[in-house]
Amino acid sequence: MGRFLVGAVAVVVGLFVVGAIASWLFHALFGILWYLIIGAVVVGGAVWLYGRAKRSLGTSRNQRRIEAAAATWRQRNR
């Protein structure tokens, strides 16, 4: 009876340790995944805002030159 009790306690403690390690590992992996998702959203939003701001400021001389060159190219290559 003593060996059975020691074996049962060893199994329960082993399952507890394996469960604790698995829980810690999943928490760490999902934490890293969460930070990657947040980082991607922030960087994507910044790129989107930069594009919107750049497009709204596109009335410079250089932008007009680019538009004129594009219009000329479209007329020549119909």
N, C-alpha and C. Protein backbone atom coordinates (compact mmCIF):
# COMPACT_ATOMS: atom_id res chain seq x y z
N MET A 1 0.82 -1.20 0.00
CA MET A 1 0.00 0.00 0.00
C MET A 1 0.86 1.26 0.00
N GLY A 2 2.02 1.22 0.65
CA GLY A 2 2.91 2.38 0.73
C GLY A 2 3.48 2.76 -0.62
N ARG A 3 3.86 1.74 -1.40
CA ARG A 3 4.41 2.03 -2.73
C ARG A 3 3.35 2.64 -3.65
N PHE A 4 2.13 2.16 -3.56
CA PHE A 4 1.04 2.72 -4.36
C PHE A 4 0.81 4.18 -4.03
N LEU A 5 0.82 4.52 -2.76
CA LEU A 5 0.61 5.90 -2.32
C LEU A 5 1.74 6.80 -2.81
N VAL A 6 2.97 6.33 -2.68
CA VAL A 6 4.12 7.12 -3.16
C VAL A 6 4.05 7.28 -4.67
N GLY A 7 3.69 6.22 -5.38
CA GLY A 7 3.57 6.30 -6.84
C GLY A 7 2.46 7.25 -7.26
N ALA A 8 1.33 7.20 -6.58
CA ALA A 8 0.20 8.09 -6.91
C ALA A 8 0.57 9.54 -6.65
N VAL A 9 1.24 9.80 -5.52
CA VAL A 9 1.67 11.18 -5.21
C VAL A 9 2.69 11.65 -6.24
N ALA A 10 3.60 10.76 -6.65
CA ALA A 10 4.60 11.13 -7.67
C ALA A 10 3.92 11.47 -9.00
N VAL A 11 2.90 10.72 -9.38
CA VAL A 11 2.17 11.00 -10.62
C VAL A 11 1.46 12.35 -10.53
N VAL A 12 0.81 12.61 -9.40
CA VAL A 12 0.09 13.88 -9.23
C VAL A 12 1.07 15.05 -9.25
N VAL A 13 2.19 14.93 -8.55
CA VAL A 13 3.19 16.01 -8.54
C VAL A 13 3.78 16.18 -9.94
N GLY A 14 4.05 15.08 -10.63
CA GLY A 14 4.58 15.16 -11.99
C GLY A 14 3.61 15.85 -12.93
N LEU A 15 2.33 15.51 -12.83
CA LEU A 15 1.32 16.18 -13.67
C LEU A 15 1.23 17.66 -13.35
N PHE A 16 1.33 17.99 -12.07
CA PHE A 16 1.28 19.40 -11.67
C PHE A 16 2.47 20.16 -12.25
N VAL A 17 3.66 19.59 -12.16
CA VAL A 17 4.86 20.26 -12.68
C VAL A 17 4.78 20.41 -14.20
N VAL A 18 4.36 19.36 -14.89
CA VAL A 18 4.24 19.45 -16.35
C VAL A 18 3.16 20.47 -16.73
N GLY A 19 2.07 20.49 -16.02
CA GLY A 19 1.02 21.48 -16.29
C GLY A 19 1.49 22.90 -16.03
N ALA A 20 2.25 23.10 -14.97
CA ALA A 20 2.76 24.44 -14.66
C ALA A 20 3.73 24.90 -15.74
N ILE A 21 4.61 24.01 -16.18
CA ILE A 21 5.56 24.38 -17.24
C ILE A 21 4.83 24.66 -18.55
N ALA A 22 3.84 23.84 -18.88
CA ALA A 22 3.07 24.07 -20.11
C ALA A 22 2.30 25.38 -20.04
N SER A 23 1.72 25.66 -18.89
CA SER A 23 0.99 26.91 -18.72
C SER A 23 1.92 28.11 -18.89
N TRP A 24 3.10 28.04 -18.28
CA TRP A 24 4.07 29.13 -18.39
C TRP A 24 4.51 29.30 -19.85
N LEU A 25 4.75 28.19 -20.55
CA LEU A 25 5.20 28.24 -21.93
C LEU A 25 4.13 28.84 -22.84
N PHE A 26 2.89 28.38 -22.69
CA PHE A 26 1.80 28.95 -23.50
C PHE A 26 1.61 30.43 -23.21
N HIS A 27 1.69 30.80 -21.96
CA HIS A 27 1.55 32.21 -21.60
C HIS A 27 2.65 33.04 -22.24
N ALA A 28 3.87 32.54 -22.21
CA ALA A 28 4.99 33.28 -22.81
C ALA A 28 4.82 33.39 -24.33
N LEU A 29 4.44 32.28 -24.97
CA LEU A 29 4.29 32.31 -26.43
C LEU A 29 3.15 33.22 -26.86
N PHE A 30 2.01 33.13 -26.17
CA PHE A 30 0.89 34.00 -26.54
C PHE A 30 1.18 35.45 -26.19
N GLY A 31 1.98 35.69 -25.15
CA GLY A 31 2.39 37.05 -24.84
C GLY A 31 3.23 37.65 -25.94
N ILE A 32 4.18 36.85 -26.45
CA ILE A 32 5.01 37.32 -27.56
C ILE A 32 4.15 37.55 -28.80
N LEU A 33 3.24 36.63 -29.08
CA LEU A 33 2.35 36.78 -30.22
C LEU A 33 1.49 38.04 -30.09
N TRP A 34 1.01 38.31 -28.89
CA TRP A 34 0.19 39.50 -28.65
C TRP A 34 1.00 40.77 -28.94
N TYR A 35 2.25 40.82 -28.46
CA TYR A 35 3.08 42.00 -28.71
C TYR A 35 3.40 42.15 -30.19
N LEU A 36 3.58 41.05 -30.91
CA LEU A 36 3.81 41.13 -32.35
C LEU A 36 2.59 41.69 -33.08
N ILE A 37 1.41 41.26 -32.67
CA ILE A 37 0.18 41.76 -33.30
C ILE A 37 0.02 43.25 -33.03
N ILE A 38 0.23 43.66 -31.78
CA ILE A 38 0.12 45.08 -31.44
C ILE A 38 1.14 45.90 -32.23
N GLY A 39 2.37 45.41 -32.32
CA GLY A 39 3.41 46.11 -33.08
C GLY A 39 3.05 46.24 -34.55
N ALA A 40 2.50 45.18 -35.13
CA ALA A 40 2.11 45.22 -36.54
C ALA A 40 0.99 46.23 -36.77
N VAL A 41 0.05 46.28 -35.85
CA VAL A 41 -1.05 47.25 -35.98
C VAL A 41 -0.53 48.68 -35.87
N VAL A 42 0.37 48.91 -34.94
CA VAL A 42 0.92 50.26 -34.77
C VAL A 42 1.73 50.68 -35.99
N VAL A 43 2.59 49.79 -36.49
CA VAL A 43 3.41 50.13 -37.66
C VAL A 43 2.52 50.30 -38.89
N GLY A 44 1.54 49.43 -39.07
CA GLY A 44 0.63 49.57 -40.20
C GLY A 44 -0.16 50.87 -40.15
N GLY A 45 -0.61 51.23 -38.96
CA GLY A 45 -1.32 52.50 -38.80
C GLY A 45 -0.43 53.69 -39.09
N ALA A 46 0.82 53.61 -38.67
CA ALA A 46 1.75 54.71 -38.93
C ALA A 46 2.02 54.85 -40.43
N VAL A 47 2.19 53.73 -41.11
CA VAL A 47 2.40 53.77 -42.56
C VAL A 47 1.18 54.34 -43.26
N TRP A 48 0.01 53.93 -42.83
CA TRP A 48 -1.23 54.44 -43.42
C TRP A 48 -1.36 55.95 -43.20
N LEU A 49 -1.10 56.40 -41.96
CA LEU A 49 -1.17 57.84 -41.68
C LEU A 49 -0.13 58.62 -42.47
N TYR A 50 1.07 58.08 -42.61
CA TYR A 50 2.10 58.74 -43.39
C TYR A 50 1.66 58.89 -44.85
N GLY A 51 1.08 57.83 -45.40
CA GLY A 51 0.61 57.90 -46.78
C GLY A 51 -0.50 58.92 -46.96
N ARG A 52 -1.42 58.96 -45.98
CA ARG A 52 -2.50 59.95 -46.06
C ARG A 52 -1.95 61.37 -45.98
N ALA A 53 -1.01 61.60 -45.07
CA ALA A 53 -0.43 62.93 -44.93
C ALA A 53 0.36 63.32 -46.17
N LYS A 54 1.10 62.38 -46.71
CA LYS A 54 1.88 62.67 -47.91
C LYS A 54 0.98 62.99 -49.09
N ARG A 55 -0.10 62.23 -49.21
CA ARG A 55 -1.04 62.46 -50.30
C ARG A 55 -1.74 63.81 -50.16
N SER A 56 -2.05 64.19 -48.92
CA SER A 56 -2.75 65.47 -48.71
C SER A 56 -1.83 66.65 -48.95
N LEU A 57 -0.52 66.46 -48.79
CA LEU A 57 0.43 67.54 -49.03
C LEU A 57 0.99 67.52 -50.44
N GLY A 58 0.36 66.80 -51.34
CA GLY A 58 0.89 66.61 -52.68
C GLY A 58 0.61 67.74 -53.63
N THR A 59 0.67 68.99 -53.19
CA THR A 59 0.42 70.13 -54.07
C THR A 59 1.71 70.90 -54.33
N SER A 60 2.84 70.29 -54.10
CA SER A 60 4.11 70.98 -54.30
C SER A 60 4.46 71.04 -55.78
N ARG A 61 5.48 71.81 -56.09
CA ARG A 61 5.93 71.94 -57.48
C ARG A 61 6.36 70.59 -58.03
N ASN A 62 7.04 69.84 -57.21
CA ASN A 62 7.51 68.54 -57.65
C ASN A 62 6.34 67.62 -57.97
N GLN A 63 5.30 67.65 -57.17
CA GLN A 63 4.12 66.81 -57.43
C GLN A 63 3.44 67.22 -58.74
N ARG A 64 3.37 68.53 -59.00
CA ARG A 64 2.77 68.98 -60.26
C ARG A 64 3.61 68.53 -61.45
N ARG A 65 4.94 68.54 -61.30
CA ARG A 65 5.81 68.06 -62.37
C ARG A 65 5.60 66.58 -62.63
N ILE A 66 5.45 65.81 -61.57
CA ILE A 66 5.22 64.37 -61.73
C ILE A 66 3.89 64.12 -62.42
N GLU A 67 2.86 64.86 -62.02
CA GLU A 67 1.55 64.69 -62.65
C GLU A 67 1.58 65.09 -64.11
N ALA A 68 2.29 66.16 -64.45
CA ALA A 68 2.40 66.59 -65.84
C ALA A 68 3.15 65.55 -66.67
N ALA A 69 4.21 65.00 -66.11
CA ALA A 69 4.97 63.97 -66.84
C ALA A 69 4.11 62.72 -67.04
N ALA A 70 3.32 62.36 -66.05
CA ALA A 70 2.45 61.19 -66.17
C ALA A 70 1.38 61.44 -67.23
N ALA A 71 0.83 62.65 -67.26
CA ALA A 71 -0.18 62.96 -68.26
C ALA A 71 0.42 62.91 -69.66
N THR A 72 1.62 63.45 -69.82
CA THR A 72 2.29 63.40 -71.12
C THR A 72 2.55 61.97 -71.54
N TRP A 73 2.99 61.15 -70.61
CA TRP A 73 3.27 59.74 -70.92
C TRP A 73 2.00 59.02 -71.34
N ARG A 74 0.88 59.32 -70.64
CA ARG A 74 -0.40 58.68 -71.01
C ARG A 74 -0.85 59.12 -72.39
N GLN A 75 -0.64 60.39 -72.76
CA GLN A 75 -1.05 60.85 -74.08
C GLN A 75 -0.22 60.21 -75.18
N ARG A 76 1.05 60.01 -74.94
CA ARG A 76 1.93 59.43 -75.95
C ARG A 76 1.69 57.93 -76.11
N ASN A 77 1.27 57.27 -75.09
CA ASN A 77 1.16 55.81 -75.11
C ASN A 77 -0.29 55.35 -75.10
N ARG A 78 -1.10 55.96 -75.92
CA ARG A 78 -2.50 55.53 -76.02
C ARG A 78 -2.62 54.31 -76.85
